């Protein structure tokens, strides 16, 4: 277990250094978990053009990237409320830590099965590629940085717009996913 002295020493490093180290750690852990480096679908598009179970969560960006942007906005809002005296760089670092932890957990077989879909469902999910996971983290941090510049009401409005927009666009989102995970969707 990481002792507090080591943690405090790491915390004193510049935020960009810690961010780079965390992203490399995230990629390394995902590689050790056997995740594919990128989309093995033969396409070099950075954005997933259409919902296709073979390509879901394999490109740098996909429709779920918009949800990650909203996730980062929500995290920044929460962390700013909990630690109003922290500089934005430290808040962004905590957003990145949160995203990295989620991205590793999301790609564990037990979590993948929770988000499973029926065979042939265009939203099918079999875990992220490393490229997609890093893209998700980048979108989360970008959402946090955007939220750091907006008033609370604008962040809340953006979060509602993201959830409604993505739900209408791809028939998925945080609320739909939660209902499905609970067996209600």
N, C-alpha and C. Protein backbone atom coordinates (compact mmCIF):
# COMPACT_ATOMS: atom_id res chain seq x y z
N UNK A 1 0.85 -1.19 0.00
CA UNK A 1 0.00 0.00 0.00
C UNK A 1 0.89 1.25 0.00
N UNK A 2 0.48 2.22 -0.74
CA UNK A 2 1.23 3.47 -0.86
C UNK A 2 1.14 4.25 0.46
N UNK A 3 2.29 4.49 1.09
CA UNK A 3 2.21 5.23 2.36
C UNK A 3 2.03 6.72 2.09
N UNK A 4 1.58 7.42 3.09
CA UNK A 4 1.23 8.84 2.94
C UNK A 4 2.44 9.71 2.61
N UNK A 5 3.61 9.34 3.08
CA UNK A 5 4.81 10.13 2.79
C UNK A 5 5.11 10.10 1.28
N UNK A 6 5.01 8.92 0.69
CA UNK A 6 5.22 8.80 -0.76
C UNK A 6 4.14 9.57 -1.50
N UNK A 7 2.90 9.43 -1.06
CA UNK A 7 1.79 10.13 -1.70
C UNK A 7 2.01 11.64 -1.67
N UNK A 8 2.40 12.17 -0.52
CA UNK A 8 2.63 13.62 -0.41
C UNK A 8 3.78 14.06 -1.30
N UNK A 9 4.82 13.23 -1.42
CA UNK A 9 5.94 13.57 -2.30
C UNK A 9 5.49 13.62 -3.75
N UNK A 10 4.69 12.64 -4.15
CA UNK A 10 4.18 12.63 -5.52
C UNK A 10 3.27 13.83 -5.77
N UNK A 11 2.44 14.17 -4.79
CA UNK A 11 1.49 15.28 -4.92
C UNK A 11 2.21 16.61 -5.16
N UNK A 12 3.46 16.71 -4.73
CA UNK A 12 4.21 17.96 -4.90
C UNK A 12 4.79 18.12 -6.30
N UNK A 13 4.80 17.05 -7.08
CA UNK A 13 5.28 17.16 -8.45
C UNK A 13 4.34 18.06 -9.26
N UNK A 14 4.85 18.69 -10.31
CA UNK A 14 3.98 19.53 -11.14
C UNK A 14 2.84 18.69 -11.74
N UNK A 15 1.66 19.27 -11.79
CA UNK A 15 0.48 18.56 -12.29
C UNK A 15 0.71 17.95 -13.68
N UNK A 16 1.33 18.66 -14.64
CA UNK A 16 1.53 18.04 -15.95
C UNK A 16 2.39 16.76 -15.90
N UNK A 17 3.38 16.74 -15.03
CA UNK A 17 4.23 15.55 -14.89
C UNK A 17 3.39 14.39 -14.35
N UNK A 18 2.59 14.65 -13.34
CA UNK A 18 1.73 13.62 -12.78
C UNK A 18 0.70 13.14 -13.81
N UNK A 19 0.17 14.06 -14.60
CA UNK A 19 -0.82 13.69 -15.61
C UNK A 19 -0.22 12.75 -16.65
N UNK A 20 0.97 13.08 -17.13
CA UNK A 20 1.63 12.22 -18.11
C UNK A 20 1.90 10.85 -17.51
N UNK A 21 2.39 10.82 -16.28
CA UNK A 21 2.67 9.54 -15.62
C UNK A 21 1.40 8.71 -15.46
N UNK A 22 0.29 9.35 -15.10
CA UNK A 22 -0.97 8.63 -14.93
C UNK A 22 -1.49 8.07 -16.24
N UNK A 23 -1.38 8.84 -17.31
CA UNK A 23 -1.83 8.37 -18.62
C UNK A 23 -0.99 7.17 -19.06
N UNK A 24 0.32 7.24 -18.84
CA UNK A 24 1.19 6.10 -19.19
C UNK A 24 0.85 4.88 -18.33
N UNK A 25 0.58 5.10 -17.06
CA UNK A 25 0.19 4.01 -16.17
C UNK A 25 -1.13 3.39 -16.63
N UNK A 26 -2.08 4.23 -16.98
CA UNK A 26 -3.37 3.74 -17.47
C UNK A 26 -3.17 2.86 -18.70
N UNK A 27 -2.39 3.34 -19.66
CA UNK A 27 -2.13 2.57 -20.89
C UNK A 27 -1.42 1.26 -20.56
N UNK A 28 -0.46 1.31 -19.66
CA UNK A 28 0.27 0.11 -19.28
C UNK A 28 -0.61 -0.93 -18.62
N UNK A 29 -1.46 -0.50 -17.70
CA UNK A 29 -2.36 -1.43 -17.02
C UNK A 29 -3.33 -2.05 -18.02
N UNK A 30 -3.87 -1.24 -18.93
CA UNK A 30 -4.79 -1.77 -19.94
C UNK A 30 -4.09 -2.77 -20.85
N UNK A 31 -2.83 -2.50 -21.20
CA UNK A 31 -2.06 -3.44 -22.02
C UNK A 31 -1.86 -4.75 -21.26
N UNK A 32 -1.54 -4.67 -19.98
CA UNK A 32 -1.37 -5.88 -19.16
C UNK A 32 -2.68 -6.65 -19.04
N UNK A 33 -3.79 -5.95 -19.13
CA UNK A 33 -5.11 -6.60 -19.07
C UNK A 33 -5.47 -7.24 -20.41
N UNK A 34 -4.64 -7.02 -21.43
CA UNK A 34 -4.88 -7.62 -22.74
C UNK A 34 -5.76 -6.82 -23.67
N UNK A 35 -5.97 -5.55 -23.37
CA UNK A 35 -6.79 -4.72 -24.26
C UNK A 35 -6.03 -4.46 -25.55
N UNK A 36 -6.76 -4.40 -26.66
CA UNK A 36 -6.15 -4.10 -27.95
C UNK A 36 -5.65 -2.66 -27.97
N UNK A 37 -4.55 -2.41 -28.70
CA UNK A 37 -4.03 -1.04 -28.73
C UNK A 37 -4.96 -0.06 -29.45
N UNK A 38 -5.62 -0.51 -30.51
CA UNK A 38 -6.49 0.38 -31.27
C UNK A 38 -7.56 -0.43 -31.97
N UNK A 39 -8.21 0.20 -32.91
CA UNK A 39 -9.27 -0.47 -33.64
C UNK A 39 -8.66 -1.44 -34.63
N UNK A 40 -8.96 -2.70 -34.49
CA UNK A 40 -8.49 -3.70 -35.45
C UNK A 40 -9.49 -3.89 -36.57
N UNK A 41 -10.28 -2.88 -36.83
CA UNK A 41 -11.38 -2.98 -37.79
C UNK A 41 -10.98 -2.57 -39.20
N UNK A 42 -9.72 -2.22 -39.38
CA UNK A 42 -9.26 -1.83 -40.71
C UNK A 42 -9.48 -0.37 -41.06
N UNK A 43 -10.12 0.37 -40.21
CA UNK A 43 -10.34 1.79 -40.46
C UNK A 43 -9.38 2.64 -39.66
N UNK A 44 -8.93 3.71 -40.25
CA UNK A 44 -8.01 4.60 -39.57
C UNK A 44 -8.69 5.89 -39.12
N UNK A 45 -10.01 5.90 -39.10
CA UNK A 45 -10.73 7.08 -38.69
C UNK A 45 -10.53 7.31 -37.20
N UNK A 46 -10.29 8.56 -36.81
CA UNK A 46 -10.17 8.82 -35.37
C UNK A 46 -11.54 8.78 -34.68
N UNK A 47 -12.62 8.94 -35.44
CA UNK A 47 -13.97 8.98 -34.88
C UNK A 47 -14.76 7.80 -35.43
N UNK A 48 -15.47 7.10 -34.57
CA UNK A 48 -16.35 6.02 -35.01
C UNK A 48 -17.51 6.64 -35.76
N UNK A 49 -17.62 6.32 -37.03
CA UNK A 49 -18.59 6.96 -37.90
C UNK A 49 -20.01 6.46 -37.65
N UNK A 50 -20.19 5.15 -37.45
CA UNK A 50 -21.53 4.60 -37.22
C UNK A 50 -21.47 3.59 -36.09
N UNK A 51 -22.61 3.36 -35.44
CA UNK A 51 -22.66 2.35 -34.39
C UNK A 51 -22.52 0.98 -35.02
N UNK A 52 -21.51 0.26 -34.58
CA UNK A 52 -21.21 -1.07 -35.10
C UNK A 52 -20.54 -1.82 -33.96
N UNK A 53 -21.14 -2.93 -33.50
CA UNK A 53 -20.57 -3.64 -32.35
C UNK A 53 -19.08 -3.95 -32.50
N UNK A 54 -18.62 -4.19 -33.72
CA UNK A 54 -17.20 -4.50 -33.92
C UNK A 54 -16.30 -3.28 -33.72
N UNK A 55 -16.87 -2.09 -33.80
CA UNK A 55 -16.06 -0.88 -33.69
C UNK A 55 -16.35 -0.07 -32.42
N UNK A 56 -17.39 -0.40 -31.69
CA UNK A 56 -17.74 0.38 -30.50
C UNK A 56 -16.58 0.44 -29.52
N UNK A 57 -16.25 1.63 -29.10
CA UNK A 57 -15.20 1.89 -28.10
C UNK A 57 -13.82 1.42 -28.56
N UNK A 58 -13.57 1.51 -29.86
CA UNK A 58 -12.27 1.09 -30.39
C UNK A 58 -11.48 2.26 -30.99
N UNK A 59 -12.16 3.31 -31.40
CA UNK A 59 -11.52 4.48 -32.01
C UNK A 59 -11.13 5.49 -30.94
N UNK A 60 -10.36 6.49 -31.33
CA UNK A 60 -9.98 7.56 -30.41
C UNK A 60 -11.22 8.22 -29.82
N UNK A 61 -12.22 8.43 -30.65
CA UNK A 61 -13.45 9.10 -30.21
C UNK A 61 -14.65 8.38 -30.82
N UNK A 62 -15.75 8.46 -30.11
CA UNK A 62 -17.00 7.84 -30.54
C UNK A 62 -18.15 8.61 -29.89
N UNK A 63 -19.39 8.24 -30.14
CA UNK A 63 -20.48 8.99 -29.50
C UNK A 63 -20.38 9.06 -27.98
N UNK A 64 -19.78 8.06 -27.37
CA UNK A 64 -19.64 8.05 -25.92
C UNK A 64 -18.63 9.10 -25.43
N UNK A 65 -17.81 9.61 -26.33
CA UNK A 65 -16.85 10.66 -25.96
C UNK A 65 -17.58 11.89 -25.42
N UNK A 66 -18.77 12.15 -25.97
CA UNK A 66 -19.56 13.29 -25.50
C UNK A 66 -19.97 13.06 -24.04
N UNK A 67 -20.31 11.81 -23.70
CA UNK A 67 -20.64 11.50 -22.30
C UNK A 67 -19.43 11.69 -21.40
N UNK A 68 -18.25 11.34 -21.88
CA UNK A 68 -17.04 11.54 -21.08
C UNK A 68 -16.76 13.02 -20.87
N UNK A 69 -17.06 13.83 -21.86
CA UNK A 69 -16.94 15.28 -21.70
C UNK A 69 -17.84 15.74 -20.55
N UNK A 70 -19.07 15.26 -20.55
CA UNK A 70 -20.00 15.59 -19.46
C UNK A 70 -19.54 15.04 -18.12
N UNK A 71 -18.96 13.84 -18.12
CA UNK A 71 -18.44 13.24 -16.89
C UNK A 71 -17.36 14.13 -16.28
N UNK A 72 -16.48 14.64 -17.13
CA UNK A 72 -15.42 15.54 -16.65
C UNK A 72 -15.99 16.83 -16.08
N UNK A 73 -17.04 17.34 -16.73
CA UNK A 73 -17.67 18.56 -16.23
C UNK A 73 -18.27 18.32 -14.85
N UNK A 74 -18.96 17.18 -14.70
CA UNK A 74 -19.58 16.87 -13.41
C UNK A 74 -18.53 16.66 -12.33
N UNK A 75 -17.46 15.95 -12.67
CA UNK A 75 -16.39 15.73 -11.68
C UNK A 75 -15.79 17.05 -11.22
N UNK A 76 -15.50 17.94 -12.17
CA UNK A 76 -14.89 19.22 -11.79
C UNK A 76 -15.82 20.01 -10.89
N UNK A 77 -17.09 19.99 -11.20
CA UNK A 77 -18.07 20.70 -10.37
C UNK A 77 -18.07 20.14 -8.94
N UNK A 78 -18.05 18.83 -8.82
CA UNK A 78 -18.04 18.19 -7.50
C UNK A 78 -16.75 18.50 -6.76
N UNK A 79 -15.61 18.31 -7.43
CA UNK A 79 -14.32 18.53 -6.76
C UNK A 79 -14.10 20.00 -6.41
N UNK A 80 -14.59 20.90 -7.26
CA UNK A 80 -14.46 22.33 -6.96
C UNK A 80 -15.30 22.68 -5.73
N UNK A 81 -16.45 22.04 -5.58
CA UNK A 81 -17.28 22.28 -4.39
C UNK A 81 -16.61 21.72 -3.13
N UNK A 82 -15.94 20.58 -3.27
CA UNK A 82 -15.28 19.96 -2.12
C UNK A 82 -13.97 20.64 -1.75
N UNK A 83 -13.27 21.15 -2.75
CA UNK A 83 -11.95 21.77 -2.54
C UNK A 83 -11.87 23.11 -3.28
N UNK A 84 -12.64 24.11 -2.85
CA UNK A 84 -12.69 25.38 -3.58
C UNK A 84 -11.36 26.13 -3.61
N UNK A 85 -10.47 25.84 -2.70
CA UNK A 85 -9.18 26.54 -2.64
C UNK A 85 -8.13 25.91 -3.56
N UNK A 86 -8.40 24.74 -4.12
CA UNK A 86 -7.42 24.09 -4.98
C UNK A 86 -7.33 24.80 -6.33
N UNK A 87 -6.13 24.92 -6.88
CA UNK A 87 -6.00 25.50 -8.22
C UNK A 87 -6.58 24.55 -9.27
N UNK A 88 -6.93 25.10 -10.41
CA UNK A 88 -7.55 24.32 -11.48
C UNK A 88 -6.67 23.15 -11.90
N UNK A 89 -5.35 23.34 -11.92
CA UNK A 89 -4.46 22.25 -12.34
C UNK A 89 -4.60 21.04 -11.41
N UNK A 90 -4.74 21.27 -10.12
CA UNK A 90 -4.90 20.16 -9.17
C UNK A 90 -6.28 19.52 -9.32
N UNK A 91 -7.29 20.33 -9.55
CA UNK A 91 -8.62 19.79 -9.79
C UNK A 91 -8.62 18.94 -11.05
N UNK A 92 -7.96 19.42 -12.10
CA UNK A 92 -7.86 18.66 -13.35
C UNK A 92 -7.13 17.34 -13.12
N UNK A 93 -6.12 17.36 -12.27
CA UNK A 93 -5.39 16.14 -11.95
C UNK A 93 -6.31 15.12 -11.28
N UNK A 94 -7.14 15.56 -10.36
CA UNK A 94 -8.07 14.65 -9.69
C UNK A 94 -9.13 14.14 -10.67
N UNK A 95 -9.55 14.98 -11.61
CA UNK A 95 -10.46 14.53 -12.66
C UNK A 95 -9.78 13.43 -13.48
N UNK A 96 -8.51 13.63 -13.83
CA UNK A 96 -7.77 12.63 -14.60
C UNK A 96 -7.61 11.34 -13.80
N UNK A 97 -7.27 11.43 -12.53
CA UNK A 97 -7.15 10.24 -11.68
C UNK A 97 -8.47 9.47 -11.68
N UNK A 98 -9.56 10.19 -11.49
CA UNK A 98 -10.89 9.55 -11.46
C UNK A 98 -11.19 8.85 -12.78
N UNK A 99 -10.89 9.52 -13.88
CA UNK A 99 -11.13 8.94 -15.19
C UNK A 99 -10.25 7.71 -15.42
N UNK A 100 -8.99 7.79 -15.06
CA UNK A 100 -8.08 6.66 -15.25
C UNK A 100 -8.54 5.44 -14.45
N UNK A 101 -8.95 5.67 -13.22
CA UNK A 101 -9.45 4.56 -12.39
C UNK A 101 -10.69 3.95 -13.04
N UNK A 102 -11.62 4.81 -13.48
CA UNK A 102 -12.83 4.29 -14.12
C UNK A 102 -12.48 3.53 -15.39
N UNK A 103 -11.59 4.05 -16.20
CA UNK A 103 -11.25 3.39 -17.47
C UNK A 103 -10.67 2.00 -17.25
N UNK A 104 -9.85 1.83 -16.23
CA UNK A 104 -9.31 0.50 -15.93
C UNK A 104 -10.43 -0.40 -15.42
N UNK A 105 -11.23 0.10 -14.50
CA UNK A 105 -12.33 -0.71 -13.96
C UNK A 105 -13.34 -1.08 -15.04
N UNK A 106 -13.64 -0.14 -15.92
CA UNK A 106 -14.63 -0.35 -16.97
C UNK A 106 -14.22 -1.50 -17.89
N UNK A 107 -12.94 -1.77 -17.99
CA UNK A 107 -12.45 -2.80 -18.90
C UNK A 107 -12.18 -4.14 -18.22
N UNK A 108 -12.65 -4.27 -16.99
CA UNK A 108 -12.58 -5.57 -16.31
C UNK A 108 -13.78 -6.40 -16.75
N UNK A 109 -13.59 -7.70 -16.93
CA UNK A 109 -14.69 -8.55 -17.43
C UNK A 109 -16.00 -8.42 -16.65
N UNK A 110 -15.93 -8.29 -15.35
CA UNK A 110 -17.17 -8.19 -14.55
C UNK A 110 -17.94 -6.92 -14.90
N UNK A 111 -17.23 -5.83 -15.14
CA UNK A 111 -17.91 -4.57 -15.49
C UNK A 111 -18.40 -4.62 -16.93
N UNK A 112 -17.58 -5.18 -17.83
CA UNK A 112 -18.01 -5.31 -19.23
C UNK A 112 -19.33 -6.07 -19.30
N UNK A 113 -19.46 -7.13 -18.50
CA UNK A 113 -20.69 -7.93 -18.54
C UNK A 113 -21.90 -7.14 -18.06
N UNK A 114 -21.70 -6.19 -17.15
CA UNK A 114 -22.81 -5.36 -16.68
C UNK A 114 -23.35 -4.50 -17.81
N UNK A 115 -22.45 -4.06 -18.69
CA UNK A 115 -22.86 -3.21 -19.81
C UNK A 115 -23.14 -4.02 -21.06
N UNK A 116 -23.24 -5.33 -20.93
CA UNK A 116 -23.47 -6.19 -22.08
C UNK A 116 -24.80 -5.90 -22.75
N UNK A 117 -24.85 -6.23 -24.01
CA UNK A 117 -26.06 -6.04 -24.81
C UNK A 117 -26.40 -7.36 -25.46
N UNK A 118 -27.57 -7.43 -26.02
CA UNK A 118 -27.96 -8.62 -26.75
C UNK A 118 -27.09 -8.74 -28.01
N UNK A 119 -26.79 -9.97 -28.45
CA UNK A 119 -26.00 -10.13 -29.68
C UNK A 119 -26.65 -9.38 -30.84
N UNK A 120 -25.83 -8.70 -31.61
CA UNK A 120 -26.30 -7.94 -32.76
C UNK A 120 -26.77 -6.54 -32.44
N UNK A 121 -26.89 -6.19 -31.17
CA UNK A 121 -27.29 -4.83 -30.79
C UNK A 121 -26.22 -3.86 -31.27
N UNK A 122 -26.61 -2.78 -31.98
CA UNK A 122 -25.60 -1.84 -32.49
C UNK A 122 -24.83 -1.12 -31.39
N UNK A 123 -25.30 -1.20 -30.15
CA UNK A 123 -24.57 -0.58 -29.05
C UNK A 123 -23.64 -1.58 -28.36
N UNK A 124 -23.50 -2.78 -28.92
CA UNK A 124 -22.71 -3.84 -28.30
C UNK A 124 -21.38 -3.32 -27.76
N UNK A 125 -20.97 -3.90 -26.63
CA UNK A 125 -19.76 -3.42 -25.96
C UNK A 125 -18.95 -4.61 -25.47
N UNK A 126 -17.67 -4.61 -25.83
CA UNK A 126 -16.77 -5.67 -25.39
C UNK A 126 -15.51 -5.07 -24.78
N UNK A 127 -15.62 -3.87 -24.25
CA UNK A 127 -14.48 -3.20 -23.66
C UNK A 127 -13.84 -2.22 -24.64
N UNK A 128 -12.98 -1.36 -24.09
CA UNK A 128 -12.32 -0.32 -24.88
C UNK A 128 -10.97 -0.78 -25.41
N UNK A 129 -10.59 -0.21 -26.54
CA UNK A 129 -9.19 -0.32 -26.95
C UNK A 129 -8.40 0.66 -26.07
N UNK A 130 -7.10 0.49 -26.04
CA UNK A 130 -6.27 1.42 -25.26
C UNK A 130 -6.42 2.83 -25.83
N UNK A 131 -6.44 2.95 -27.15
CA UNK A 131 -6.60 4.26 -27.80
C UNK A 131 -7.91 4.91 -27.36
N UNK A 132 -9.00 4.15 -27.36
CA UNK A 132 -10.29 4.70 -26.97
C UNK A 132 -10.31 5.08 -25.50
N UNK A 133 -9.71 4.26 -24.66
CA UNK A 133 -9.67 4.56 -23.23
C UNK A 133 -8.91 5.85 -22.97
N UNK A 134 -7.79 6.03 -23.65
CA UNK A 134 -7.02 7.28 -23.49
C UNK A 134 -7.80 8.46 -24.05
N UNK A 135 -8.53 8.24 -25.16
CA UNK A 135 -9.39 9.29 -25.70
C UNK A 135 -10.49 9.66 -24.71
N UNK A 136 -11.08 8.65 -24.08
CA UNK A 136 -12.11 8.91 -23.07
C UNK A 136 -11.55 9.76 -21.93
N UNK A 137 -10.34 9.44 -21.49
CA UNK A 137 -9.71 10.22 -20.42
C UNK A 137 -9.44 11.65 -20.89
N UNK A 138 -8.99 11.81 -22.12
CA UNK A 138 -8.74 13.15 -22.65
C UNK A 138 -10.04 13.96 -22.70
N UNK A 139 -11.13 13.33 -23.13
CA UNK A 139 -12.42 14.03 -23.17
C UNK A 139 -12.89 14.38 -21.76
N UNK A 140 -12.63 13.50 -20.81
CA UNK A 140 -13.03 13.77 -19.42
C UNK A 140 -12.28 14.99 -18.89
N UNK A 141 -10.98 15.02 -19.11
CA UNK A 141 -10.18 16.17 -18.65
C UNK A 141 -10.61 17.44 -19.38
N UNK A 142 -10.88 17.33 -20.69
CA UNK A 142 -11.35 18.50 -21.44
C UNK A 142 -12.67 19.01 -20.87
N UNK A 143 -13.56 18.10 -20.51
CA UNK A 143 -14.82 18.51 -19.89
C UNK A 143 -14.59 19.22 -18.57
N UNK A 144 -13.65 18.72 -17.79
CA UNK A 144 -13.31 19.38 -16.53
C UNK A 144 -12.77 20.77 -16.75
N UNK A 145 -11.89 20.91 -17.74
CA UNK A 145 -11.32 22.22 -18.02
C UNK A 145 -12.39 23.19 -18.51
N UNK A 146 -13.31 22.69 -19.32
CA UNK A 146 -14.42 23.54 -19.78
C UNK A 146 -15.27 23.98 -18.59
N UNK A 147 -15.58 23.04 -17.71
CA UNK A 147 -16.40 23.37 -16.53
C UNK A 147 -15.71 24.37 -15.61
N UNK A 148 -14.38 24.35 -15.60
CA UNK A 148 -13.65 25.28 -14.72
C UNK A 148 -13.82 26.73 -15.16
N UNK A 149 -14.27 26.93 -16.40
CA UNK A 149 -14.43 28.28 -16.94
C UNK A 149 -15.89 28.72 -17.03
N UNK A 150 -16.79 27.84 -16.66
CA UNK A 150 -18.22 28.14 -16.79
C UNK A 150 -18.87 28.31 -15.42
N UNK A 151 -19.94 29.10 -15.37
CA UNK A 151 -20.70 29.17 -14.11
C UNK A 151 -21.43 27.84 -13.89
N UNK A 152 -21.79 27.58 -12.66
CA UNK A 152 -22.42 26.31 -12.29
C UNK A 152 -23.68 26.06 -13.12
N UNK A 153 -24.52 27.07 -13.29
CA UNK A 153 -25.76 26.89 -14.03
C UNK A 153 -25.49 26.42 -15.45
N UNK A 154 -24.42 26.94 -16.07
CA UNK A 154 -24.09 26.55 -17.44
C UNK A 154 -23.60 25.10 -17.50
N UNK A 155 -22.85 24.69 -16.48
CA UNK A 155 -22.38 23.30 -16.42
C UNK A 155 -23.57 22.36 -16.26
N UNK A 156 -24.48 22.69 -15.38
CA UNK A 156 -25.67 21.85 -15.16
C UNK A 156 -26.49 21.78 -16.45
N UNK A 157 -26.68 22.90 -17.12
CA UNK A 157 -27.42 22.92 -18.39
C UNK A 157 -26.71 22.06 -19.43
N UNK A 158 -25.38 22.16 -19.50
CA UNK A 158 -24.61 21.36 -20.45
C UNK A 158 -24.73 19.87 -20.14
N UNK A 159 -24.71 19.51 -18.87
CA UNK A 159 -24.85 18.10 -18.48
C UNK A 159 -26.20 17.54 -18.90
N UNK A 160 -27.24 18.32 -18.70
CA UNK A 160 -28.58 17.88 -19.11
C UNK A 160 -28.63 17.74 -20.63
N UNK A 161 -28.07 18.71 -21.34
CA UNK A 161 -28.06 18.66 -22.81
C UNK A 161 -27.27 17.46 -23.32
N UNK A 162 -26.14 17.16 -22.69
CA UNK A 162 -25.33 16.01 -23.09
C UNK A 162 -26.12 14.72 -22.90
N UNK A 163 -26.71 14.55 -21.73
CA UNK A 163 -27.46 13.31 -21.45
C UNK A 163 -28.64 13.14 -22.40
N UNK A 164 -29.42 14.19 -22.57
CA UNK A 164 -30.58 14.11 -23.45
C UNK A 164 -30.13 13.92 -24.90
N UNK A 165 -29.13 14.69 -25.32
CA UNK A 165 -28.66 14.60 -26.69
C UNK A 165 -28.11 13.23 -27.05
N UNK A 166 -27.25 12.68 -26.20
CA UNK A 166 -26.68 11.36 -26.47
C UNK A 166 -27.75 10.28 -26.40
N UNK A 167 -28.67 10.40 -25.45
CA UNK A 167 -29.75 9.42 -25.34
C UNK A 167 -30.60 9.39 -26.61
N UNK A 168 -30.90 10.56 -27.16
CA UNK A 168 -31.67 10.62 -28.40
C UNK A 168 -30.85 10.16 -29.60
N UNK A 169 -29.55 10.47 -29.59
CA UNK A 169 -28.66 10.16 -30.71
C UNK A 169 -28.40 8.67 -30.84
N UNK A 170 -28.02 8.01 -29.75
CA UNK A 170 -27.62 6.61 -29.84
C UNK A 170 -28.42 5.69 -28.92
N UNK A 171 -29.50 6.21 -28.34
CA UNK A 171 -30.33 5.43 -27.44
C UNK A 171 -29.51 4.82 -26.31
N UNK A 172 -28.60 5.62 -25.76
CA UNK A 172 -27.76 5.19 -24.64
C UNK A 172 -27.32 6.45 -23.91
N UNK A 173 -26.87 6.29 -22.71
CA UNK A 173 -26.40 7.40 -21.90
C UNK A 173 -26.27 6.93 -20.47
N UNK A 174 -25.99 7.84 -19.56
CA UNK A 174 -25.81 7.45 -18.17
C UNK A 174 -27.09 6.91 -17.55
N UNK A 175 -28.20 7.57 -17.78
CA UNK A 175 -29.46 7.13 -17.17
C UNK A 175 -29.91 5.82 -17.79
N UNK A 176 -29.87 5.72 -19.12
CA UNK A 176 -30.26 4.48 -19.79
C UNK A 176 -29.33 3.34 -19.38
N UNK A 177 -28.03 3.61 -19.30
CA UNK A 177 -27.06 2.59 -18.89
C UNK A 177 -27.29 2.13 -17.46
N UNK A 178 -27.60 3.07 -16.57
CA UNK A 178 -27.88 2.71 -15.18
C UNK A 178 -29.13 1.84 -15.09
N UNK A 179 -30.17 2.22 -15.81
CA UNK A 179 -31.40 1.42 -15.80
C UNK A 179 -31.13 0.01 -16.34
N UNK A 180 -30.33 -0.09 -17.40
CA UNK A 180 -29.99 -1.39 -17.97
C UNK A 180 -29.17 -2.21 -16.97
N UNK A 181 -28.20 -1.58 -16.31
CA UNK A 181 -27.36 -2.28 -15.32
C UNK A 181 -28.20 -2.80 -14.16
N UNK A 182 -29.27 -2.09 -13.83
CA UNK A 182 -30.16 -2.51 -12.74
C UNK A 182 -31.22 -3.50 -13.21
N UNK A 183 -31.17 -3.85 -14.50
CA UNK A 183 -32.14 -4.79 -15.05
C UNK A 183 -33.49 -4.17 -15.36
N UNK A 184 -33.53 -2.85 -15.44
CA UNK A 184 -34.79 -2.14 -15.68
C UNK A 184 -34.90 -1.58 -17.09
N UNK A 185 -33.87 -1.79 -17.91
CA UNK A 185 -33.88 -1.19 -19.24
C UNK A 185 -33.78 -2.18 -20.35
